[in-house]
Amino acid sequence: MTFIQSLLHQSPEMSLFPALAGGYWIGKFQFGNLERIAAAPGACGGRHDAGKLTRAREAWRVLM
């Protein structure tokens, strides 16, 4: 552990590859239809607020 700590202290850019690889790996997970999840009852803090739901759907469409 001390070896890894001293190595990363000398060249911090070596930690960039594992961080990017981990982010890529996590990004490959698929969680299903997020729009359907956002439209579920209780997704807006326990009460149905049509304005919030519409803004969330618009934001999701922009991202896609």
C-alpha atoms as a PDB file:
ATOM      1  CA  MET A   1       0.000   0.000   0.000  1.00  0.00           C
ATOM      2  CA  THR A   2       2.851   2.358   0.812  1.00  0.00           C
ATOM      3  CA  PHE A   3       4.419   1.558  -2.561  1.00  0.00           C
ATOM      4  CA  ILE A   4       1.237   2.500  -4.433  1.00  0.00           C
ATOM      5  CA  GLN A   5       0.877   5.681  -2.391  1.00  0.00           C
ATOM      6  CA  SER A   6       4.456   6.775  -3.110  1.00  0.00           C
ATOM      7  CA  LEU A   7       4.079   5.888  -6.797  1.00  0.00           C
ATOM      8  CA  LEU A   8       0.905   7.964  -7.164  1.00  0.00           C
ATOM      9  CA  HIS A   9       2.495  10.807  -5.213  1.00  0.00           C
ATOM     10  CA  GLN A  10       5.389  10.900  -7.710  1.00  0.00           C
ATOM     11  CA  SER A  11       3.181  10.673 -10.805  1.00  0.00           C
ATOM     12  CA  PRO A  12      -0.512  11.410 -10.119  1.00  0.00           C
ATOM     13  CA  GLU A  13      -1.434  10.969 -13.781  1.00  0.00           C
ATOM     14  CA  MET A  14      -1.079   7.203 -13.281  1.00  0.00           C
ATOM     15  CA  SER A  15      -4.366   7.269 -11.371  1.00  0.00           C
ATOM     16  CA  LEU A  16      -6.167   8.717 -14.400  1.00  0.00           C
ATOM     17  CA  PHE A  17      -6.361   5.439 -16.331  1.00  0.00           C
ATOM     18  CA  PRO A  18      -7.982   3.378 -13.539  1.00  0.00           C
ATOM     19  CA  ALA A  19     -10.430   6.215 -12.877  1.00  0.00           C
ATOM     20  CA  LEU A  20     -11.417   6.447 -16.546  1.00  0.00           C
ATOM     21  CA  ALA A  21     -11.600   2.668 -16.919  1.00  0.00           C
ATOM     22  CA  GLY A  22     -13.819   2.424 -13.835  1.00  0.00           C
ATOM     23  CA  GLY A  23     -16.083   5.194 -15.110  1.00  0.00           C
ATOM     24  CA  TYR A  24     -16.374   3.506 -18.492  1.00  0.00           C
ATOM     25  CA  TRP A  25     -17.210   0.182 -16.839  1.00  0.00           C
ATOM     26  CA  ILE A  26     -19.878   1.746 -14.594  1.00  0.00           C
ATOM     27  CA  GLY A  27     -21.282   3.660 -17.579  1.00  0.00           C
ATOM     28  CA  LYS A  28     -21.969   0.405 -19.404  1.00  0.00           C
ATOM     29  CA  PHE A  29     -24.597  -0.640 -16.822  1.00  0.00           C
ATOM     30  CA  GLN A  30     -28.128  -0.322 -18.142  1.00  0.00           C
ATOM     31  CA  PHE A  31     -30.864   0.561 -15.689  1.00  0.00           C
ATOM     32  CA  GLY A  32     -33.841   0.186 -18.009  1.00  0.00           C
ATOM     33  CA  ASN A  33     -36.167   2.943 -19.112  1.00  0.00           C
ATOM     34  CA  LEU A  34     -35.348   5.931 -16.896  1.00  0.00           C
ATOM     35  CA  GLU A  35     -38.295   7.916 -18.262  1.00  0.00           C
ATOM     36  CA  ARG A  36     -40.642   5.196 -17.018  1.00  0.00           C
ATOM     37  CA  ILE A  37     -38.947   5.257 -13.620  1.00  0.00           C
ATOM     38  CA  ALA A  38     -39.277   9.067 -13.409  1.00  0.00           C
ATOM     39  CA  ALA A  39     -42.988   8.805 -14.247  1.00  0.00           C
ATOM     40  CA  ALA A  40     -43.628   6.340 -11.394  1.00  0.00           C
ATOM     41  CA  PRO A  41     -45.919   7.528  -8.599  1.00  0.00           C
ATOM     42  CA  GLY A  42     -43.891   8.979  -5.766  1.00  0.00           C
ATOM     43  CA  ALA A  43     -40.889   9.766  -7.948  1.00  0.00           C
ATOM     44  CA  CYS A  44     -41.400  13.493  -7.343  1.00  0.00           C
ATOM     45  CA  GLY A  45     -41.107  13.496  -3.589  1.00  0.00           C
ATOM     46  CA  GLY A  46     -44.217  11.487  -2.772  1.00  0.00           C
ATOM     47  CA  ARG A  47     -46.708  13.651  -4.613  1.00  0.00           C
ATOM     48  CA  HIS A  48     -47.525  14.013  -8.278  1.00  0.00           C
ATOM     49  CA  ASP A  49     -46.419  17.380  -9.589  1.00  0.00           C
ATOM     50  CA  ALA A  50     -47.066  17.572 -13.339  1.00  0.00           C
ATOM     51  CA  GLY A  51     -44.751  20.554 -13.805  1.00  0.00           C
ATOM     52  CA  LYS A  52     -41.762  18.779 -12.293  1.00  0.00           C
ATOM     53  CA  LEU A  53     -42.485  15.632 -14.243  1.00  0.00           C
ATOM     54  CA  THR A  54     -42.718  17.530 -17.537  1.00  0.00           C
ATOM     55  CA  ARG A  55     -39.412  19.322 -16.881  1.00  0.00           C
ATOM     56  CA  ALA A  56     -37.751  16.009 -16.021  1.00  0.00           C
ATOM     57  CA  ARG A  57     -38.996  14.446 -19.268  1.00  0.00           C
ATOM     58  CA  GLU A  58     -37.781  17.426 -21.303  1.00  0.00           C
ATOM     59  CA  ALA A  59     -34.371  17.276 -19.642  1.00  0.00           C
ATOM     60  CA  TRP A  60     -34.163  13.544 -20.359  1.00  0.00           C
ATOM     61  CA  ARG A  61     -35.038  14.084 -24.047  1.00  0.00           C
ATOM     62  CA  VAL A  62     -32.305  16.711 -24.330  1.00  0.00           C
ATOM     63  CA  LEU A  63     -29.773  14.267 -22.907  1.00  0.00           C
ATOM     64  CA  MET A  64     -30.815  11.527 -25.317  1.00  0.00           C
END
